[in-house]
PDB file of all heavy atoms in Angstrom:
ATOM      1  N   ASP A   1      -3.041 -26.793 -67.029  1.00  0.00           N
ATOM      2  CA  ASP A   1      -3.886 -27.544 -67.947  1.00  0.00           C
ATOM      3  C   ASP A   1      -3.931 -26.884 -69.330  1.00  0.00           C
ATOM      4  O   ASP A   1      -4.820 -27.162 -70.134  1.00  0.00           O
ATOM      5  CB  ASP A   1      -5.329 -27.648 -67.400  1.00  0.00           C
ATOM      6  CG  ASP A   1      -5.959 -26.294 -67.135  1.00  0.00           C
ATOM      7  OD1 ASP A   1      -5.279 -25.237 -67.370  1.00  0.00           O
ATOM      8  OD2 ASP A   1      -7.112 -26.239 -66.696  1.00  0.00           O
ATOM      9  N   ALA A   2      -2.944 -26.048 -69.642  1.00  0.00           N
ATOM     10  CA  ALA A   2      -2.871 -25.378 -70.945  1.00  0.00           C
ATOM     11  C   ALA A   2      -2.690 -26.401 -72.045  1.00  0.00           C
ATOM     12  O   ALA A   2      -2.036 -27.435 -71.853  1.00  0.00           O
ATOM     13  CB  ALA A   2      -1.732 -24.379 -70.948  1.00  0.00           C
ATOM     14  N   SER A   3      -3.248 -26.128 -73.212  1.00  0.00           N
ATOM     15  CA  SER A   3      -3.132 -27.035 -74.339  1.00  0.00           C
ATOM     16  C   SER A   3      -1.706 -27.041 -74.858  1.00  0.00           C
ATOM     17  O   SER A   3      -0.921 -26.137 -74.583  1.00  0.00           O
ATOM     18  CB  SER A   3      -4.081 -26.603 -75.454  1.00  0.00           C
ATOM     19  OG  SER A   3      -3.664 -25.374 -76.022  1.00  0.00           O
ATOM     20  N   VAL A   4      -1.382 -28.089 -75.627  1.00  0.00           N
ATOM     21  CA  VAL A   4      -0.063 -28.215 -76.213  1.00  0.00           C
ATOM     22  C   VAL A   4       0.218 -27.025 -77.137  1.00  0.00           C
ATOM     23  O   VAL A   4       1.315 -26.483 -77.131  1.00  0.00           O
ATOM     24  CB  VAL A   4       0.078 -29.553 -76.976  1.00  0.00           C
ATOM     25  CG1 VAL A   4       1.370 -29.570 -77.779  1.00  0.00           C
ATOM     26  CG2 VAL A   4       0.040 -30.721 -76.042  1.00  0.00           C
ATOM     27  N   VAL A   5      -0.794 -26.619 -77.885  1.00  0.00           N
ATOM     28  CA  VAL A   5      -0.647 -25.486 -78.799  1.00  0.00           C
ATOM     29  C   VAL A   5      -0.328 -24.230 -78.023  1.00  0.00           C
ATOM     30  O   VAL A   5       0.586 -23.457 -78.374  1.00  0.00           O
ATOM     31  CB  VAL A   5      -1.911 -25.285 -79.646  1.00  0.00           C
ATOM     32  CG1 VAL A   5      -1.825 -23.998 -80.459  1.00  0.00           C
ATOM     33  CG2 VAL A   5      -2.114 -26.469 -80.581  1.00  0.00           C
ATOM     34  N   ARG A   6      -1.054 -23.997 -76.936  1.00  0.00           N
ATOM     35  CA  ARG A   6      -0.819 -22.791 -76.140  1.00  0.00           C
ATOM     36  C   ARG A   6       0.539 -22.807 -75.506  1.00  0.00           C
ATOM     37  O   ARG A   6       1.223 -21.780 -75.481  1.00  0.00           O
ATOM     38  CB  ARG A   6      -1.914 -22.670 -75.071  1.00  0.00           C
ATOM     39  CG  ARG A   6      -1.815 -21.413 -74.234  1.00  0.00           C
ATOM     40  CD  ARG A   6      -2.968 -21.319 -73.241  1.00  0.00           C
ATOM     41  NE  ARG A   6      -2.851 -20.131 -72.407  1.00  0.00           N
ATOM     42  CZ  ARG A   6      -3.668 -19.852 -71.410  1.00  0.00           C
ATOM     43  NH1 ARG A   6      -4.708 -20.657 -71.146  1.00  0.00           N
ATOM     44  NH2 ARG A   6      -3.504 -18.780 -70.656  1.00  0.00           N
ATOM     45  N   VAL A   7       0.956 -23.946 -75.013  1.00  0.00           N
ATOM     46  CA  VAL A   7       2.277 -24.048 -74.392  1.00  0.00           C
ATOM     47  C   VAL A   7       3.368 -23.815 -75.426  1.00  0.00           C
ATOM     48  O   VAL A   7       4.341 -23.085 -75.176  1.00  0.00           O
ATOM     49  CB  VAL A   7       2.454 -25.431 -73.725  1.00  0.00           C
ATOM     50  CG1 VAL A   7       3.912 -25.650 -73.333  1.00  0.00           C
ATOM     51  CG2 VAL A   7       1.556 -25.540 -72.505  1.00  0.00           C
ATOM     52  N   ALA A   8       3.199 -24.406 -76.598  1.00  0.00           N
ATOM     53  CA  ALA A   8       4.200 -24.225 -77.641  1.00  0.00           C
ATOM     54  C   ALA A   8       4.378 -22.729 -77.975  1.00  0.00           C
ATOM     55  O   ALA A   8       5.503 -22.241 -78.075  1.00  0.00           O
ATOM     56  CB  ALA A   8       3.808 -25.002 -78.897  1.00  0.00           C
ATOM     57  N   HIS A   9       3.245 -22.045 -78.139  1.00  0.00           N
ATOM     58  CA  HIS A   9       3.326 -20.624 -78.465  1.00  0.00           C
ATOM     59  C   HIS A   9       3.939 -19.824 -77.302  1.00  0.00           C
ATOM     60  O   HIS A   9       4.639 -18.836 -77.530  1.00  0.00           O
ATOM     61  CB  HIS A   9       1.931 -20.098 -78.783  1.00  0.00           C
ATOM     62  CG  HIS A   9       1.390 -20.612 -80.081  1.00  0.00           C
ATOM     63  ND1 HIS A   9       0.067 -20.494 -80.451  1.00  0.00           N
ATOM     64  CD2 HIS A   9       1.981 -21.289 -81.099  1.00  0.00           C
ATOM     65  CE1 HIS A   9      -0.109 -21.057 -81.641  1.00  0.00           C
ATOM     66  NE2 HIS A   9       1.047 -21.542 -82.058  1.00  0.00           N
ATOM     67  N   SER A  10       3.677 -20.239 -76.079  1.00  0.00           N
ATOM     68  CA  SER A  10       4.165 -19.458 -74.922  1.00  0.00           C
ATOM     69  C   SER A  10       5.655 -19.533 -74.747  1.00  0.00           C
ATOM     70  O   SER A  10       6.241 -18.686 -74.070  1.00  0.00           O
ATOM     71  CB  SER A  10       3.465 -19.971 -73.648  1.00  0.00           C
ATOM     72  OG  SER A  10       3.972 -21.264 -73.252  1.00  0.00           O
ATOM     73  N   VAL A  11       6.290 -20.509 -75.394  1.00  0.00           N
ATOM     74  CA  VAL A  11       7.751 -20.613 -75.275  1.00  0.00           C
ATOM     75  C   VAL A  11       8.445 -20.357 -76.617  1.00  0.00           C
ATOM     76  O   VAL A  11       9.599 -20.743 -76.826  1.00  0.00           O
ATOM     77  CB  VAL A  11       8.171 -22.010 -74.698  1.00  0.00           C
ATOM     78  CG1 VAL A  11       7.701 -22.133 -73.265  1.00  0.00           C
ATOM     79  CG2 VAL A  11       7.672 -23.124 -75.593  1.00  0.00           C
ATOM     80  N   GLY A  12       7.735 -19.748 -77.556  1.00  0.00           N
ATOM     81  CA  GLY A  12       8.398 -19.273 -78.756  1.00  0.00           C
ATOM     82  C   GLY A  12       8.323 -20.155 -79.966  1.00  0.00           C
ATOM     83  O   GLY A  12       9.026 -19.903 -80.952  1.00  0.00           O
ATOM     84  N   PHE A  13       7.500 -21.215 -79.961  1.00  0.00           N
ATOM     85  CA  PHE A  13       7.395 -22.088 -81.115  1.00  0.00           C
ATOM     86  C   PHE A  13       6.093 -21.757 -81.860  1.00  0.00           C
ATOM     87  O   PHE A  13       4.994 -22.039 -81.381  1.00  0.00           O
ATOM     88  CB  PHE A  13       7.339 -23.564 -80.700  1.00  0.00           C
ATOM     89  CG  PHE A  13       8.652 -24.102 -80.241  1.00  0.00           C
ATOM     90  CD1 PHE A  13       8.933 -24.147 -78.875  1.00  0.00           C
ATOM     91  CD2 PHE A  13       9.606 -24.546 -81.131  1.00  0.00           C
ATOM     92  CE1 PHE A  13      10.152 -24.650 -78.436  1.00  0.00           C
ATOM     93  CE2 PHE A  13      10.823 -25.049 -80.684  1.00  0.00           C
ATOM     94  CZ  PHE A  13      11.104 -25.102 -79.334  1.00  0.00           C
ATOM     95  N   SER A  14       6.205 -21.121 -83.001  1.00  0.00           N
ATOM     96  CA  SER A  14       5.032 -20.818 -83.813  1.00  0.00           C
ATOM     97  C   SER A  14       4.558 -22.016 -84.614  1.00  0.00           C
ATOM     98  O   SER A  14       3.400 -22.135 -84.967  1.00  0.00           O
ATOM     99  CB  SER A  14       5.318 -19.666 -84.761  1.00  0.00           C
ATOM    100  OG  SER A  14       6.397 -19.955 -85.600  1.00  0.00           O
ATOM    101  N   ASN A  15       5.480 -22.934 -84.912  1.00  0.00           N
ATOM    102  CA  ASN A  15       5.166 -24.162 -85.641  1.00  0.00           C
ATOM    103  C   ASN A  15       4.993 -25.284 -84.640  1.00  0.00           C
ATOM    104  O   ASN A  15       5.980 -25.799 -84.093  1.00  0.00           O
ATOM    105  CB  ASN A  15       6.280 -24.464 -86.639  1.00  0.00           C
ATOM    106  CG  ASN A  15       5.946 -25.636 -87.543  1.00  0.00           C
ATOM    107  OD1 ASN A  15       5.415 -26.654 -87.095  1.00  0.00           O
ATOM    108  ND2 ASN A  15       6.249 -25.494 -88.829  1.00  0.00           N
ATOM    109  N   VAL A  16       3.752 -25.653 -84.380  1.00  0.00           N
ATOM    110  CA  VAL A  16       3.472 -26.656 -83.324  1.00  0.00           C
ATOM    111  C   VAL A  16       3.979 -28.046 -83.719  1.00  0.00           C
ATOM    112  O   VAL A  16       4.447 -28.801 -82.866  1.00  0.00           O
ATOM    113  CB  VAL A  16       1.963 -26.682 -83.023  1.00  0.00           C
ATOM    114  CG1 VAL A  16       1.677 -27.739 -81.915  1.00  0.00           C
ATOM    115  CG2 VAL A  16       1.496 -25.308 -82.559  1.00  0.00           C
ATOM    116  N   SER A  17       3.924 -28.394 -85.003  1.00  0.00           N
ATOM    117  CA  SER A  17       4.454 -29.697 -85.442  1.00  0.00           C
ATOM    118  C   SER A  17       5.940 -29.792 -85.160  1.00  0.00           C
ATOM    119  O   SER A  17       6.443 -30.820 -84.724  1.00  0.00           O
ATOM    120  CB  SER A  17       4.165 -29.893 -86.935  1.00  0.00           C
ATOM    121  OG  SER A  17       2.785 -29.957 -87.210  1.00  0.00           O
ATOM    122  N   HIS A  18       6.651 -28.703 -85.432  1.00  0.00           N
ATOM    123  CA  HIS A  18       8.095 -28.668 -85.141  1.00  0.00           C
ATOM    124  C   HIS A  18       8.325 -28.801 -83.657  1.00  0.00           C
ATOM    125  O   HIS A  18       9.248 -29.548 -83.218  1.00  0.00           O
ATOM    126  CB  HIS A  18       8.645 -27.331 -85.674  1.00  0.00           C
ATOM    127  CG  HIS A  18      10.149 -27.241 -85.566  1.00  0.00           C
ATOM    128  ND1 HIS A  18      10.984 -28.196 -86.041  1.00  0.00           N
ATOM    129  CD2 HIS A  18      10.916 -26.237 -85.078  1.00  0.00           C
ATOM    130  CE1 HIS A  18      12.231 -27.824 -85.832  1.00  0.00           C
ATOM    131  NE2 HIS A  18      12.232 -26.642 -85.252  1.00  0.00           N
ATOM    132  N   PHE A  19       7.516 -28.155 -82.838  1.00  0.00           N
ATOM    133  CA  PHE A  19       7.630 -28.251 -81.381  1.00  0.00           C
ATOM    134  C   PHE A  19       7.436 -29.700 -80.926  1.00  0.00           C
ATOM    135  O   PHE A  19       8.197 -30.219 -80.096  1.00  0.00           O
ATOM    136  CB  PHE A  19       6.597 -27.338 -80.729  1.00  0.00           C
ATOM    137  CG  PHE A  19       6.387 -27.617 -79.266  1.00  0.00           C
ATOM    138  CD1 PHE A  19       7.358 -27.280 -78.338  1.00  0.00           C
ATOM    139  CD2 PHE A  19       5.215 -28.229 -78.827  1.00  0.00           C
ATOM    140  CE1 PHE A  19       7.175 -27.561 -76.989  1.00  0.00           C
ATOM    141  CE2 PHE A  19       5.017 -28.477 -77.488  1.00  0.00           C
ATOM    142  CZ  PHE A  19       5.996 -28.146 -76.568  1.00  0.00           C
ATOM    143  N   ARG A  20       6.428 -30.376 -81.469  1.00  0.00           N
ATOM    144  CA  ARG A  20       6.145 -31.742 -81.064  1.00  0.00           C
ATOM    145  C   ARG A  20       7.327 -32.656 -81.381  1.00  0.00           C
ATOM    146  O   ARG A  20       7.701 -33.521 -80.587  1.00  0.00           O
ATOM    147  CB  ARG A  20       4.892 -32.265 -81.786  1.00  0.00           C
ATOM    148  CG  ARG A  20       3.595 -31.588 -81.362  1.00  0.00           C
ATOM    149  CD  ARG A  20       2.435 -32.206 -82.131  1.00  0.00           C
ATOM    150  NE  ARG A  20       1.219 -31.388 -82.036  1.00  0.00           N
ATOM    151  CZ  ARG A  20       0.331 -31.499 -81.072  1.00  0.00           C
ATOM    152  NH1 ARG A  20       0.483 -32.385 -80.109  1.00  0.00           N
ATOM    153  NH2 ARG A  20      -0.748 -30.729 -81.085  1.00  0.00           N
ATOM    154  N   ARG A  21       7.919 -32.476 -82.559  1.00  0.00           N
ATOM    155  CA  ARG A  21       9.055 -33.318 -82.968  1.00  0.00           C
ATOM    156  C   ARG A  21      10.263 -33.101 -82.030  1.00  0.00           C
ATOM    157  O   ARG A  21      10.902 -34.041 -81.589  1.00  0.00           O
ATOM    158  CB  ARG A  21       9.461 -33.040 -84.390  1.00  0.00           C
ATOM    159  CG  ARG A  21       8.531 -33.603 -85.423  1.00  0.00           C
ATOM    160  CD  ARG A  21       9.199 -33.703 -86.786  1.00  0.00           C
ATOM    161  NE  ARG A  21       9.760 -32.423 -87.209  1.00  0.00           N
ATOM    162  CZ  ARG A  21       9.085 -31.472 -87.784  1.00  0.00           C
ATOM    163  NH1 ARG A  21       7.779 -31.618 -88.028  1.00  0.00           N
ATOM    164  NH2 ARG A  21       9.644 -30.337 -88.144  1.00  0.00           N
ATOM    165  N   LEU A  22      10.560 -31.833 -81.782  1.00  0.00           N
ATOM    166  CA  LEU A  22      11.709 -31.532 -80.902  1.00  0.00           C
ATOM    167  C   LEU A  22      11.475 -32.035 -79.484  1.00  0.00           C
ATOM    168  O   LEU A  22      12.361 -32.556 -78.850  1.00  0.00           O
ATOM    169  CB  LEU A  22      11.948 -30.010 -80.872  1.00  0.00           C
ATOM    170  CG  LEU A  22      12.467 -29.379 -82.180  1.00  0.00           C
ATOM    171  CD1 LEU A  22      12.556 -27.861 -82.021  1.00  0.00           C
ATOM    172  CD2 LEU A  22      13.841 -29.955 -82.532  1.00  0.00           C
ATOM    173  N   PHE A  23      10.248 -31.881 -79.005  1.00  0.00           N
ATOM    174  CA  PHE A  23       9.905 -32.304 -77.635  1.00  0.00           C
ATOM    175  C   PHE A  23      10.087 -33.823 -77.522  1.00  0.00           C
ATOM    176  O   PHE A  23      10.672 -34.304 -76.560  1.00  0.00           O
ATOM    177  CB  PHE A  23       8.461 -31.923 -77.333  1.00  0.00           C
ATOM    178  CG  PHE A  23       8.116 -32.048 -75.873  1.00  0.00           C
ATOM    179  CD1 PHE A  23       8.160 -30.927 -75.036  1.00  0.00           C
ATOM    180  CD2 PHE A  23       7.733 -33.254 -75.319  1.00  0.00           C
ATOM    181  CE1 PHE A  23       7.858 -31.030 -73.687  1.00  0.00           C
ATOM    182  CE2 PHE A  23       7.400 -33.379 -74.000  1.00  0.00           C
ATOM    183  CZ  PHE A  23       7.450 -32.258 -73.146  1.00  0.00           C
ATOM    184  N   ARG A  24       9.543 -34.589 -78.485  1.00  0.00           N
ATOM    185  CA  ARG A  24       9.677 -36.026 -78.429  1.00  0.00           C
ATOM    186  C   ARG A  24      11.135 -36.466 -78.539  1.00  0.00           C
ATOM    187  O   ARG A  24      11.562 -37.403 -77.859  1.00  0.00           O
ATOM    188  CB  ARG A  24       8.856 -36.661 -79.540  1.00  0.00           C
ATOM    189  CG  ARG A  24       8.896 -38.189 -79.506  1.00  0.00           C
ATOM    190  CD  ARG A  24       7.828 -38.796 -80.377  1.00  0.00           C
ATOM    191  NE  ARG A  24       7.747 -40.210 -80.171  1.00  0.00           N
ATOM    192  CZ  ARG A  24       6.732 -40.967 -80.546  1.00  0.00           C
ATOM    193  NH1 ARG A  24       5.685 -40.418 -81.149  1.00  0.00           N
ATOM    194  NH2 ARG A  24       6.744 -42.268 -80.346  1.00  0.00           N
ATOM    195  N   ARG A  25      11.908 -35.800 -79.381  1.00  0.00           N
ATOM    196  CA  ARG A  25      13.300 -36.129 -79.515  1.00  0.00           C
ATOM    197  C   ARG A  25      14.074 -35.877 -78.227  1.00  0.00           C
ATOM    198  O   ARG A  25      14.962 -36.637 -77.877  1.00  0.00           O
ATOM    199  CB  ARG A  25      13.924 -35.326 -80.674  1.00  0.00           C
ATOM    200  CG  ARG A  25      15.370 -35.708 -80.962  1.00  0.00           C
ATOM    201  CD  ARG A  25      15.873 -34.951 -82.188  1.00  0.00           C
ATOM    202  NE  ARG A  25      16.060 -33.531 -81.892  1.00  0.00           N
ATOM    203  CZ  ARG A  25      16.334 -32.597 -82.789  1.00  0.00           C
ATOM    204  NH1 ARG A  25      16.455 -32.930 -84.084  1.00  0.00           N
ATOM    205  NH2 ARG A  25      16.491 -31.324 -82.428  1.00  0.00           N
ATOM    206  N   GLU A  26      13.701 -34.810 -77.524  1.00  0.00           N
ATOM    207  CA  GLU A  26      14.400 -34.428 -76.297  1.00  0.00           C
ATOM    208  C   GLU A  26      14.006 -35.318 -75.109  1.00  0.00           C
ATOM    209  O   GLU A  26      14.859 -35.725 -74.327  1.00  0.00           O
ATOM    210  CB  GLU A  26      14.131 -32.961 -75.975  1.00  0.00           C
ATOM    211  CG  GLU A  26      14.888 -32.413 -74.771  1.00  0.00           C
ATOM    212  CD  GLU A  26      16.341 -32.201 -75.070  1.00  0.00           C
ATOM    213  OE1 GLU A  26      16.739 -32.178 -76.249  1.00  0.00           O
ATOM    214  OE2 GLU A  26      17.127 -32.040 -74.090  1.00  0.00           O
ATOM    215  N   PHE A  27      12.711 -35.597 -74.975  1.00  0.00           N
ATOM    216  CA  PHE A  27      12.211 -36.261 -73.769  1.00  0.00           C
ATOM    217  C   PHE A  27      11.697 -37.683 -74.005  1.00  0.00           C
ATOM    218  O   PHE A  27      11.296 -38.369 -73.055  1.00  0.00           O
ATOM    219  CB  PHE A  27      11.134 -35.396 -73.120  1.00  0.00           C
ATOM    220  CG  PHE A  27      11.566 -34.025 -72.721  1.00  0.00           C
ATOM    221  CD1 PHE A  27      10.966 -32.922 -73.291  1.00  0.00           C
ATOM    222  CD2 PHE A  27      12.589 -33.844 -71.833  1.00  0.00           C
ATOM    223  CE1 PHE A  27      11.383 -31.634 -72.945  1.00  0.00           C
ATOM    224  CE2 PHE A  27      13.021 -32.562 -71.502  1.00  0.00           C
ATOM    225  CZ  PHE A  27      12.413 -31.466 -72.051  1.00  0.00           C
TER     226      PHE A  27
END
């Protein structure tokens, strides 16, 4: 139940907006 921000940081994405864009593009 970790937040999107916490998950992003846990896998090496410091820029959460960038993480969201890449995630949506991938999945």
